[in-house]
């Protein structure tokens, strides 16, 4: 049976509201368009730090373009609570090493699942090191990403690192459609492939 991770997220937010607290959240983002809905939904409930760690994005020029769009969106978005940005090195070699033996996997297969883990692992590590209350990712907004797999990874890393994972399924309640509309509103660059050179061929 599939877990309702959107409901789980709402329950966590409701509990924090009852306690009248605004926790800190390390939010891994994959790109500006996907982040729009996520940030809009969470920014009044958390003190967000956007963590841009995407070693899968190729080539380097594409990585820089997507990162600059993420920064521009954060500068233009009017948030109730301040939003910080935590940059990270490109680190493409770590992705290429991770993908060895999985080069011929179909899009959405084992290589992608390892890529989810790779990025969430780094997010969990930083969340633990810097004492964030929660960590999560914008990846679940995409209809092309497996939210069940992503959330199970987050739950596993929560147990491993002791940093609380914010469960999510941001595509719920028309989240993906909302991100498309937000992208038009902010005139954001929308890429036509996930990130790695393998995904360009699918």
N, C-alpha and C. Protein backbone atom coordinates (compact mmCIF):
# COMPACT_ATOMS: atom_id res chain seq x y z
N UNK A 1 0.85 -1.20 0.00
CA UNK A 1 0.00 0.00 0.00
C UNK A 1 0.88 1.25 0.00
N UNK A 2 0.52 2.21 -0.84
CA UNK A 2 1.28 3.45 -0.91
C UNK A 2 0.98 4.34 0.29
N UNK A 3 2.04 4.93 0.82
CA UNK A 3 1.90 5.88 1.93
C UNK A 3 1.43 7.23 1.38
N UNK A 4 0.59 7.91 2.16
CA UNK A 4 0.17 9.27 1.80
C UNK A 4 1.13 10.25 2.45
N UNK A 5 2.22 10.57 1.75
CA UNK A 5 3.26 11.41 2.32
C UNK A 5 2.85 12.88 2.39
N UNK A 6 1.92 13.26 1.54
CA UNK A 6 1.41 14.63 1.62
C UNK A 6 0.66 14.84 2.93
N UNK A 7 -0.13 13.85 3.30
CA UNK A 7 -0.87 13.91 4.57
C UNK A 7 0.10 13.94 5.75
N UNK A 8 1.17 13.16 5.66
CA UNK A 8 2.16 13.15 6.73
C UNK A 8 2.80 14.52 6.92
N UNK A 9 3.09 15.18 5.80
CA UNK A 9 3.68 16.52 5.87
C UNK A 9 2.72 17.50 6.55
N UNK A 10 1.45 17.45 6.16
CA UNK A 10 0.46 18.35 6.74
C UNK A 10 0.31 18.11 8.24
N UNK A 11 0.43 16.87 8.66
CA UNK A 11 0.35 16.55 10.09
C UNK A 11 1.53 17.15 10.85
N UNK A 12 2.72 17.09 10.25
CA UNK A 12 3.91 17.67 10.88
C UNK A 12 3.76 19.18 11.00
N UNK A 13 3.29 19.82 9.94
CA UNK A 13 3.08 21.27 9.96
C UNK A 13 2.05 21.64 11.02
N UNK A 14 0.98 20.87 11.10
CA UNK A 14 -0.09 21.14 12.08
C UNK A 14 0.43 21.04 13.51
N UNK A 15 1.25 20.03 13.78
CA UNK A 15 1.82 19.86 15.12
C UNK A 15 2.71 21.04 15.50
N UNK A 16 3.51 21.51 14.54
CA UNK A 16 4.38 22.66 14.81
C UNK A 16 3.57 23.94 15.03
N UNK A 17 2.46 24.07 14.31
CA UNK A 17 1.59 25.24 14.49
C UNK A 17 0.97 25.23 15.89
N UNK A 18 0.59 24.06 16.36
CA UNK A 18 0.03 23.95 17.71
C UNK A 18 1.05 24.37 18.77
N UNK A 19 2.31 24.05 18.48
CA UNK A 19 3.39 24.41 19.40
C UNK A 19 3.84 25.86 19.21
N UNK A 20 3.30 26.48 18.17
CA UNK A 20 3.62 27.88 17.82
C UNK A 20 5.13 28.06 17.59
N UNK A 21 5.68 27.13 16.84
CA UNK A 21 7.10 27.23 16.49
C UNK A 21 7.27 27.25 14.97
N UNK A 22 8.34 27.88 14.52
CA UNK A 22 8.70 27.89 13.11
C UNK A 22 10.07 27.23 13.00
N UNK A 23 10.10 25.94 12.68
CA UNK A 23 11.36 25.21 12.65
C UNK A 23 12.24 25.63 11.46
N UNK A 24 13.50 25.26 11.54
CA UNK A 24 14.41 25.46 10.42
C UNK A 24 14.32 24.26 9.49
N UNK A 25 14.46 24.52 8.20
CA UNK A 25 14.34 23.47 7.19
C UNK A 25 15.43 23.62 6.15
N UNK A 26 16.19 22.56 5.94
CA UNK A 26 17.16 22.52 4.84
C UNK A 26 16.46 21.88 3.66
N UNK A 27 16.18 22.67 2.65
CA UNK A 27 15.41 22.23 1.50
C UNK A 27 16.32 22.03 0.29
N UNK A 28 16.55 20.77 -0.06
CA UNK A 28 17.28 20.49 -1.29
C UNK A 28 16.38 20.83 -2.48
N UNK A 29 16.90 21.63 -3.41
CA UNK A 29 16.13 21.94 -4.61
C UNK A 29 16.88 21.46 -5.85
N UNK A 30 16.11 20.98 -6.82
CA UNK A 30 16.70 20.47 -8.05
C UNK A 30 16.76 21.54 -9.14
N UNK A 31 15.85 22.50 -9.08
CA UNK A 31 15.83 23.59 -10.06
C UNK A 31 14.83 24.64 -9.58
N UNK A 32 14.90 25.81 -10.17
CA UNK A 32 14.00 26.89 -9.78
C UNK A 32 12.52 26.58 -10.04
N UNK A 33 12.15 26.09 -11.25
CA UNK A 33 10.73 25.82 -11.51
C UNK A 33 10.09 24.88 -10.49
N UNK A 34 10.78 23.77 -10.18
CA UNK A 34 10.22 22.82 -9.22
C UNK A 34 10.15 23.41 -7.82
N UNK A 35 11.06 24.32 -7.51
CA UNK A 35 11.10 24.88 -6.16
C UNK A 35 10.00 25.89 -5.88
N UNK A 36 9.41 26.45 -6.93
CA UNK A 36 8.46 27.56 -6.73
C UNK A 36 7.28 27.16 -5.84
N UNK A 37 6.61 26.10 -6.20
CA UNK A 37 5.46 25.65 -5.42
C UNK A 37 5.87 25.20 -4.03
N UNK A 38 6.99 24.48 -3.96
CA UNK A 38 7.47 23.96 -2.68
C UNK A 38 7.74 25.11 -1.70
N UNK A 39 8.47 26.11 -2.17
CA UNK A 39 8.81 27.24 -1.32
C UNK A 39 7.57 28.05 -0.95
N UNK A 40 6.68 28.22 -1.91
CA UNK A 40 5.45 28.96 -1.64
C UNK A 40 4.61 28.27 -0.56
N UNK A 41 4.60 26.95 -0.59
CA UNK A 41 3.80 26.20 0.38
C UNK A 41 4.45 26.12 1.77
N UNK A 42 5.77 26.16 1.81
CA UNK A 42 6.48 25.94 3.07
C UNK A 42 7.00 27.19 3.75
N UNK A 43 7.15 28.27 3.01
CA UNK A 43 7.87 29.43 3.53
C UNK A 43 7.20 30.11 4.72
N UNK A 44 5.90 29.94 4.87
CA UNK A 44 5.23 30.54 6.03
C UNK A 44 5.27 29.61 7.25
N UNK A 45 5.72 28.37 7.05
CA UNK A 45 5.74 27.39 8.14
C UNK A 45 7.15 27.05 8.63
N UNK A 46 8.17 27.43 7.84
CA UNK A 46 9.55 27.08 8.16
C UNK A 46 10.48 28.24 7.86
N UNK A 47 11.60 28.28 8.56
CA UNK A 47 12.71 29.14 8.16
C UNK A 47 13.58 28.30 7.22
N UNK A 48 13.48 28.60 5.95
CA UNK A 48 14.06 27.74 4.91
C UNK A 48 15.46 28.18 4.51
N UNK A 49 16.33 27.19 4.37
CA UNK A 49 17.60 27.38 3.69
C UNK A 49 17.58 26.47 2.47
N UNK A 50 17.66 27.06 1.30
CA UNK A 50 17.67 26.29 0.05
C UNK A 50 19.08 25.74 -0.16
N UNK A 51 19.15 24.43 -0.35
CA UNK A 51 20.43 23.75 -0.53
C UNK A 51 20.52 23.27 -1.97
N UNK A 52 21.40 23.89 -2.74
CA UNK A 52 21.51 23.55 -4.16
C UNK A 52 22.67 22.58 -4.35
N UNK A 53 22.34 21.30 -4.32
CA UNK A 53 23.35 20.25 -4.53
C UNK A 53 22.86 19.31 -5.62
N UNK A 54 23.41 19.47 -6.83
CA UNK A 54 22.96 18.69 -7.97
C UNK A 54 24.14 18.32 -8.88
N UNK A 55 24.97 17.36 -8.42
CA UNK A 55 26.14 16.96 -9.19
C UNK A 55 25.79 16.21 -10.47
N UNK A 56 24.51 15.85 -10.61
CA UNK A 56 24.05 15.13 -11.80
C UNK A 56 23.87 16.03 -13.00
N UNK A 57 23.72 17.33 -12.79
CA UNK A 57 23.39 18.23 -13.90
C UNK A 57 24.60 18.43 -14.80
N UNK A 58 24.41 18.19 -16.07
CA UNK A 58 25.47 18.31 -17.07
C UNK A 58 24.92 19.00 -18.32
N UNK A 59 25.75 19.73 -19.05
CA UNK A 59 27.14 20.08 -18.74
C UNK A 59 27.21 21.19 -17.69
N UNK A 60 28.42 21.64 -17.39
CA UNK A 60 28.62 22.63 -16.33
C UNK A 60 27.87 23.92 -16.62
N UNK A 61 27.81 24.32 -17.88
CA UNK A 61 27.09 25.55 -18.26
C UNK A 61 25.61 25.44 -17.92
N UNK A 62 25.06 24.25 -18.09
CA UNK A 62 23.66 24.01 -17.75
C UNK A 62 23.47 24.10 -16.23
N UNK A 63 24.41 23.53 -15.50
CA UNK A 63 24.37 23.59 -14.03
C UNK A 63 24.35 25.04 -13.56
N UNK A 64 25.23 25.85 -14.11
CA UNK A 64 25.32 27.26 -13.71
C UNK A 64 24.04 28.01 -14.07
N UNK A 65 23.48 27.69 -15.23
CA UNK A 65 22.24 28.38 -15.67
C UNK A 65 21.10 28.07 -14.71
N UNK A 66 20.96 26.81 -14.35
CA UNK A 66 19.88 26.43 -13.43
C UNK A 66 20.09 27.03 -12.04
N UNK A 67 21.34 27.05 -11.61
CA UNK A 67 21.62 27.63 -10.30
C UNK A 67 21.31 29.12 -10.27
N UNK A 68 21.67 29.83 -11.32
CA UNK A 68 21.42 31.27 -11.37
C UNK A 68 19.92 31.56 -11.38
N UNK A 69 19.14 30.70 -12.03
CA UNK A 69 17.69 30.86 -12.03
C UNK A 69 17.11 30.61 -10.64
N UNK A 70 17.69 29.64 -9.93
CA UNK A 70 17.24 29.38 -8.55
C UNK A 70 17.48 30.59 -7.67
N UNK A 71 18.66 31.18 -7.79
CA UNK A 71 19.00 32.36 -7.00
C UNK A 71 18.10 33.53 -7.36
N UNK A 72 17.86 33.71 -8.64
CA UNK A 72 17.00 34.82 -9.09
C UNK A 72 15.58 34.68 -8.54
N UNK A 73 15.06 33.46 -8.57
CA UNK A 73 13.71 33.25 -8.03
C UNK A 73 13.66 33.62 -6.55
N UNK A 74 14.65 33.20 -5.78
CA UNK A 74 14.67 33.50 -4.34
C UNK A 74 14.74 35.00 -4.10
N UNK A 75 15.42 35.72 -4.96
CA UNK A 75 15.52 37.17 -4.83
C UNK A 75 14.20 37.86 -5.15
N UNK A 76 13.41 37.28 -6.03
CA UNK A 76 12.16 37.91 -6.47
C UNK A 76 10.95 37.44 -5.67
N UNK A 77 11.04 36.27 -5.06
CA UNK A 77 9.90 35.73 -4.32
C UNK A 77 9.72 36.46 -3.00
N UNK A 78 8.50 36.88 -2.71
CA UNK A 78 8.20 37.56 -1.46
C UNK A 78 7.76 36.54 -0.41
N UNK A 79 8.64 36.32 0.56
CA UNK A 79 8.40 35.31 1.56
C UNK A 79 8.06 35.93 2.91
N UNK A 80 7.20 35.25 3.66
CA UNK A 80 6.86 35.70 5.00
C UNK A 80 8.10 35.65 5.90
N UNK A 81 8.82 34.54 5.80
CA UNK A 81 10.06 34.36 6.56
C UNK A 81 11.26 34.44 5.62
N UNK A 82 12.39 34.93 6.09
CA UNK A 82 13.57 35.03 5.23
C UNK A 82 14.01 33.66 4.72
N UNK A 83 14.52 33.63 3.49
CA UNK A 83 15.01 32.38 2.90
C UNK A 83 16.49 32.54 2.59
N UNK A 84 17.28 31.60 3.08
CA UNK A 84 18.72 31.61 2.82
C UNK A 84 19.06 30.65 1.69
N UNK A 85 20.25 30.84 1.12
CA UNK A 85 20.70 29.98 0.03
C UNK A 85 22.06 29.42 0.38
N UNK A 86 22.17 28.10 0.32
CA UNK A 86 23.43 27.41 0.61
C UNK A 86 23.91 26.74 -0.67
N UNK A 87 24.98 27.28 -1.23
CA UNK A 87 25.53 26.78 -2.48
C UNK A 87 26.41 25.56 -2.21
N UNK A 88 26.63 24.78 -3.23
CA UNK A 88 27.48 23.61 -3.10
C UNK A 88 28.28 23.45 -4.39
N UNK A 89 29.43 22.81 -4.29
CA UNK A 89 30.24 22.58 -5.48
C UNK A 89 29.50 21.68 -6.45
N UNK A 90 29.87 21.78 -7.72
CA UNK A 90 29.24 20.96 -8.76
C UNK A 90 29.42 19.47 -8.47
N UNK A 91 30.63 19.03 -8.18
CA UNK A 91 30.89 17.68 -7.71
C UNK A 91 30.41 16.61 -8.70
N UNK A 92 30.54 16.88 -10.01
CA UNK A 92 30.04 15.96 -11.02
C UNK A 92 30.74 14.60 -10.99
N UNK A 93 32.00 14.58 -10.58
CA UNK A 93 32.74 13.31 -10.53
C UNK A 93 32.07 12.31 -9.60
N UNK A 94 31.51 12.81 -8.50
CA UNK A 94 30.86 11.90 -7.55
C UNK A 94 29.63 11.25 -8.18
N UNK A 95 28.92 12.01 -9.03
CA UNK A 95 27.76 11.44 -9.71
C UNK A 95 28.18 10.39 -10.73
N UNK A 96 29.22 10.70 -11.50
CA UNK A 96 29.68 9.77 -12.53
C UNK A 96 30.17 8.46 -11.91
N UNK A 97 30.84 8.55 -10.76
CA UNK A 97 31.28 7.35 -10.05
C UNK A 97 30.08 6.55 -9.56
N UNK A 98 29.06 7.25 -9.09
CA UNK A 98 27.85 6.60 -8.60
C UNK A 98 27.12 5.84 -9.71
N UNK A 99 27.19 6.37 -10.92
CA UNK A 99 26.44 5.82 -12.05
C UNK A 99 27.14 4.67 -12.76
N UNK A 100 28.36 4.35 -12.36
CA UNK A 100 29.11 3.26 -13.02
C UNK A 100 28.32 1.95 -12.92
N UNK A 101 28.13 1.31 -14.07
CA UNK A 101 27.38 0.06 -14.13
C UNK A 101 25.89 0.26 -14.34
N UNK A 102 25.44 1.51 -14.24
CA UNK A 102 24.01 1.82 -14.39
C UNK A 102 23.74 2.71 -15.60
N UNK A 103 24.73 2.79 -16.48
CA UNK A 103 24.63 3.71 -17.62
C UNK A 103 23.44 3.41 -18.53
N UNK A 104 23.08 2.14 -18.65
CA UNK A 104 22.01 1.75 -19.57
C UNK A 104 20.65 1.61 -18.90
N UNK A 105 20.57 1.99 -17.64
CA UNK A 105 19.28 1.94 -16.93
C UNK A 105 18.30 2.93 -17.57
N UNK A 106 17.02 2.56 -17.65
CA UNK A 106 16.03 3.50 -18.19
C UNK A 106 15.80 4.66 -17.24
N UNK A 107 15.32 5.75 -17.77
CA UNK A 107 15.00 6.91 -16.94
C UNK A 107 13.96 6.52 -15.90
N UNK A 108 14.22 6.87 -14.65
CA UNK A 108 13.32 6.49 -13.56
C UNK A 108 13.70 5.17 -12.91
N UNK A 109 14.77 4.52 -13.40
CA UNK A 109 15.19 3.23 -12.89
C UNK A 109 16.20 3.33 -11.75
N UNK A 110 17.04 2.30 -11.63
CA UNK A 110 17.97 2.20 -10.50
C UNK A 110 18.96 3.36 -10.44
N UNK A 111 19.41 3.82 -11.60
CA UNK A 111 20.36 4.95 -11.59
C UNK A 111 19.72 6.18 -10.97
N UNK A 112 18.48 6.44 -11.32
CA UNK A 112 17.77 7.59 -10.77
C UNK A 112 17.56 7.45 -9.27
N UNK A 113 17.24 6.23 -8.84
CA UNK A 113 17.03 6.00 -7.41
C UNK A 113 18.31 6.24 -6.62
N UNK A 114 19.45 5.83 -7.19
CA UNK A 114 20.74 6.09 -6.54
C UNK A 114 21.05 7.58 -6.54
N UNK A 115 20.62 8.27 -7.59
CA UNK A 115 20.82 9.72 -7.67
C UNK A 115 20.01 10.44 -6.60
N UNK A 116 18.77 10.00 -6.38
CA UNK A 116 17.96 10.56 -5.29
C UNK A 116 18.72 10.40 -3.96
N UNK A 117 19.20 9.18 -3.74
CA UNK A 117 19.91 8.89 -2.49
C UNK A 117 21.16 9.75 -2.36
N UNK A 118 21.89 9.87 -3.44
CA UNK A 118 23.14 10.63 -3.45
C UNK A 118 22.92 12.07 -2.99
N UNK A 119 21.89 12.69 -3.52
CA UNK A 119 21.62 14.10 -3.18
C UNK A 119 20.99 14.24 -1.79
N UNK A 120 20.12 13.32 -1.43
CA UNK A 120 19.50 13.40 -0.11
C UNK A 120 20.50 13.06 1.00
N UNK A 121 21.45 12.18 0.70
CA UNK A 121 22.49 11.85 1.68
C UNK A 121 23.27 13.10 2.05
N UNK A 122 23.68 13.87 1.05
CA UNK A 122 24.41 15.10 1.31
C UNK A 122 23.56 16.09 2.10
N UNK A 123 22.28 16.15 1.77
CA UNK A 123 21.37 17.05 2.47
C UNK A 123 21.24 16.67 3.94
N UNK A 124 21.10 15.37 4.19
CA UNK A 124 20.99 14.88 5.57
C UNK A 124 22.26 15.17 6.35
N UNK A 125 23.41 14.98 5.72
CA UNK A 125 24.69 15.24 6.38
C UNK A 125 24.80 16.70 6.82
N UNK A 126 24.44 17.62 5.89
CA UNK A 126 24.52 19.05 6.20
C UNK A 126 23.49 19.42 7.26
N UNK A 127 22.30 18.84 7.16
CA UNK A 127 21.24 19.11 8.14
C UNK A 127 21.70 18.72 9.54
N UNK A 128 22.37 17.59 9.64
CA UNK A 128 22.89 17.12 10.93
C UNK A 128 24.01 18.03 11.42
N UNK A 129 24.96 18.35 10.54
CA UNK A 129 26.11 19.18 10.91
C UNK A 129 25.70 20.56 11.38
N UNK A 130 24.69 21.13 10.74
CA UNK A 130 24.31 22.51 11.02
C UNK A 130 23.04 22.62 11.88
N UNK A 131 22.61 21.50 12.42
CA UNK A 131 21.51 21.47 13.40
C UNK A 131 20.19 22.01 12.87
N UNK A 132 19.85 21.65 11.64
CA UNK A 132 18.52 22.00 11.11
C UNK A 132 17.48 21.10 11.78
N UNK A 133 16.29 21.65 11.96
CA UNK A 133 15.22 20.86 12.55
C UNK A 133 14.71 19.79 11.59
N UNK A 134 14.67 20.15 10.30
CA UNK A 134 14.19 19.22 9.28
C UNK A 134 15.04 19.35 8.01
N UNK A 135 14.97 18.30 7.18
CA UNK A 135 15.49 18.39 5.83
C UNK A 135 14.50 17.71 4.88
N UNK A 136 14.48 18.16 3.63
CA UNK A 136 13.60 17.55 2.63
C UNK A 136 14.09 17.94 1.25
N UNK A 137 13.33 17.59 0.22
CA UNK A 137 13.71 17.87 -1.16
C UNK A 137 12.51 18.27 -2.00
N UNK A 138 12.77 19.04 -3.03
CA UNK A 138 11.72 19.44 -3.97
C UNK A 138 11.43 18.36 -5.01
N UNK A 139 12.20 17.28 -5.01
CA UNK A 139 12.08 16.26 -6.05
C UNK A 139 10.69 15.65 -6.16
N UNK A 140 9.94 15.61 -5.05
CA UNK A 140 8.64 14.93 -5.09
C UNK A 140 7.57 15.71 -5.84
N UNK A 141 7.89 16.89 -6.32
CA UNK A 141 6.88 17.64 -7.07
C UNK A 141 6.75 17.11 -8.50
N UNK A 142 7.77 16.44 -8.97
CA UNK A 142 7.78 15.98 -10.36
C UNK A 142 6.96 14.71 -10.55
N UNK A 143 6.08 14.67 -11.55
CA UNK A 143 5.34 13.43 -11.83
C UNK A 143 6.25 12.35 -12.41
N UNK A 144 7.47 12.72 -12.77
CA UNK A 144 8.43 11.76 -13.33
C UNK A 144 9.35 11.15 -12.28
N UNK A 145 9.19 11.60 -11.02
CA UNK A 145 10.00 11.08 -9.92
C UNK A 145 9.12 10.24 -9.00
N UNK A 146 9.68 9.17 -8.46
CA UNK A 146 8.94 8.24 -7.61
C UNK A 146 8.95 8.74 -6.16
N UNK A 147 7.85 9.34 -5.77
CA UNK A 147 7.76 9.92 -4.42
C UNK A 147 7.85 8.87 -3.32
N UNK A 148 7.35 7.67 -3.59
CA UNK A 148 7.43 6.61 -2.59
C UNK A 148 8.89 6.26 -2.31
N UNK A 149 9.69 6.14 -3.37
CA UNK A 149 11.11 5.83 -3.23
C UNK A 149 11.84 6.96 -2.52
N UNK A 150 11.57 8.19 -2.93
CA UNK A 150 12.25 9.36 -2.36
C UNK A 150 11.97 9.46 -0.86
N UNK A 151 10.73 9.29 -0.46
CA UNK A 151 10.39 9.41 0.95
C UNK A 151 10.95 8.26 1.79
N UNK A 152 11.03 7.08 1.21
CA UNK A 152 11.64 5.95 1.93
C UNK A 152 13.12 6.22 2.15
N UNK A 153 13.78 6.83 1.16
CA UNK A 153 15.19 7.22 1.32
C UNK A 153 15.32 8.24 2.45
N UNK A 154 14.43 9.25 2.43
CA UNK A 154 14.45 10.27 3.48
C UNK A 154 14.25 9.68 4.86
N UNK A 155 13.35 8.73 4.96
CA UNK A 155 13.08 8.07 6.25
C UNK A 155 14.30 7.27 6.70
N UNK A 156 14.95 6.60 5.77
CA UNK A 156 16.16 5.83 6.08
C UNK A 156 17.27 6.75 6.59
N UNK A 157 17.46 7.88 5.92
CA UNK A 157 18.51 8.82 6.32
C UNK A 157 18.18 9.51 7.64
N UNK A 158 16.90 9.70 7.91
CA UNK A 158 16.48 10.26 9.19
C UNK A 158 16.94 9.36 10.33
N UNK A 159 16.76 8.06 10.17
CA UNK A 159 17.18 7.10 11.19
C UNK A 159 18.70 7.06 11.31
N UNK A 160 19.36 7.20 10.17
CA UNK A 160 20.82 7.10 10.14
C UNK A 160 21.50 8.32 10.74
N UNK A 161 20.95 9.51 10.48
CA UNK A 161 21.61 10.74 10.90
C UNK A 161 20.94 11.45 12.07
N UNK A 162 19.72 11.05 12.39
CA UNK A 162 19.05 11.68 13.52
C UNK A 162 18.49 13.06 13.22
N UNK A 163 18.54 13.45 11.94
CA UNK A 163 17.93 14.72 11.51
C UNK A 163 16.53 14.40 10.98
N UNK A 164 15.54 15.15 11.40
CA UNK A 164 14.15 14.83 11.04
C UNK A 164 13.88 15.12 9.56
N UNK A 165 13.29 14.16 8.90
CA UNK A 165 12.94 14.31 7.48
C UNK A 165 11.50 14.78 7.35
N UNK A 166 11.29 15.79 6.54
CA UNK A 166 9.94 16.27 6.28
C UNK A 166 9.37 15.50 5.09
N UNK A 167 8.45 14.59 5.37
CA UNK A 167 7.83 13.81 4.31
C UNK A 167 7.06 14.75 3.38
N UNK A 168 6.94 14.34 2.11
CA UNK A 168 6.24 15.22 1.17
C UNK A 168 5.81 14.47 -0.07
N UNK A 169 4.83 15.03 -0.72
CA UNK A 169 4.48 14.66 -2.10
C UNK A 169 3.91 15.93 -2.71
N UNK A 170 4.81 16.81 -3.12
CA UNK A 170 4.41 18.16 -3.51
C UNK A 170 3.59 18.21 -4.79
N UNK A 171 3.53 17.11 -5.52
CA UNK A 171 2.70 17.10 -6.72
C UNK A 171 1.21 17.06 -6.38
N UNK A 172 0.90 16.68 -5.14
CA UNK A 172 -0.50 16.64 -4.69
C UNK A 172 -1.11 18.05 -4.74
N UNK A 173 -2.42 18.08 -4.86
CA UNK A 173 -3.17 19.35 -4.93
C UNK A 173 -2.66 20.22 -6.08
N UNK A 174 -2.43 19.57 -7.23
CA UNK A 174 -2.01 20.27 -8.46
C UNK A 174 -0.68 21.01 -8.31
N UNK A 175 0.21 20.44 -7.50
CA UNK A 175 1.49 21.09 -7.25
C UNK A 175 2.33 21.27 -8.50
N UNK A 176 2.37 20.24 -9.35
CA UNK A 176 3.19 20.34 -10.56
C UNK A 176 2.63 21.39 -11.51
N UNK A 177 1.30 21.40 -11.69
CA UNK A 177 0.67 22.40 -12.54
C UNK A 177 0.93 23.80 -11.99
N UNK A 178 0.87 23.92 -10.69
CA UNK A 178 1.14 25.21 -10.04
C UNK A 178 2.57 25.67 -10.32
N UNK A 179 3.52 24.72 -10.33
CA UNK A 179 4.92 25.07 -10.60
C UNK A 179 5.09 25.57 -12.04
N UNK A 180 4.33 25.02 -12.95
CA UNK A 180 4.38 25.48 -14.35
C UNK A 180 3.86 26.91 -14.45
N UNK A 181 2.76 27.18 -13.76
CA UNK A 181 2.19 28.53 -13.75
C UNK A 181 3.14 29.53 -13.09
N UNK A 182 3.78 29.10 -11.99
CA UNK A 182 4.74 29.97 -11.32
C UNK A 182 5.95 30.26 -12.19
N UNK A 183 6.37 29.26 -12.95
CA UNK A 183 7.51 29.44 -13.85
C UNK A 183 7.20 30.50 -14.90
N UNK A 184 5.97 30.51 -15.38
CA UNK A 184 5.57 31.53 -16.36
C UNK A 184 5.52 32.90 -15.69
N UNK A 185 4.99 32.92 -14.48
CA UNK A 185 4.88 34.19 -13.74
C UNK A 185 6.25 34.83 -13.54
N UNK A 186 7.25 34.03 -13.16
CA UNK A 186 8.59 34.56 -12.89
C UNK A 186 9.52 34.47 -14.11
N UNK A 187 8.95 33.98 -15.22
CA UNK A 187 9.70 33.85 -16.48
C UNK A 187 10.98 33.05 -16.27
N UNK A 188 10.82 31.89 -15.64
CA UNK A 188 11.95 31.03 -15.32
C UNK A 188 12.30 30.12 -16.49
N UNK A 189 13.55 29.83 -16.62
CA UNK A 189 14.02 28.85 -17.59
C UNK A 189 13.59 27.47 -17.16
N UNK A 190 12.91 26.75 -18.05
CA UNK A 190 12.48 25.38 -17.78
C UNK A 190 13.25 24.44 -18.70
N UNK A 191 14.06 23.60 -18.11
CA UNK A 191 14.86 22.66 -18.87
C UNK A 191 14.00 21.57 -19.49
N UNK A 192 14.52 20.92 -20.53
CA UNK A 192 13.76 19.86 -21.19
C UNK A 192 14.33 18.47 -20.91
N UNK A 193 15.21 18.35 -19.91
CA UNK A 193 15.69 17.04 -19.47
C UNK A 193 16.03 17.15 -17.99
N UNK A 194 16.07 16.00 -17.32
CA UNK A 194 16.22 16.01 -15.86
C UNK A 194 17.52 16.66 -15.42
N UNK A 195 18.65 16.19 -16.00
CA UNK A 195 19.91 16.78 -15.56
C UNK A 195 21.14 16.12 -16.14
N UNK A 196 21.25 14.79 -15.98
CA UNK A 196 22.45 14.10 -16.43
C UNK A 196 22.42 13.84 -17.93
N UNK A 197 23.58 13.51 -18.48
CA UNK A 197 23.64 13.29 -19.93
C UNK A 197 22.89 12.03 -20.33
N UNK A 198 22.67 11.10 -19.39
CA UNK A 198 21.88 9.93 -19.68
C UNK A 198 20.42 10.33 -19.95
N UNK A 199 19.92 11.25 -19.16
CA UNK A 199 18.52 11.65 -19.31
C UNK A 199 18.27 12.43 -20.59
N UNK A 200 19.32 13.01 -21.17
CA UNK A 200 19.17 13.72 -22.44
C UNK A 200 18.81 12.76 -23.57
N UNK A 201 19.14 11.51 -23.39
CA UNK A 201 18.91 10.50 -24.44
C UNK A 201 17.57 9.79 -24.28
N UNK A 202 16.79 10.19 -23.29
CA UNK A 202 15.49 9.53 -23.05
C UNK A 202 14.34 10.45 -23.46
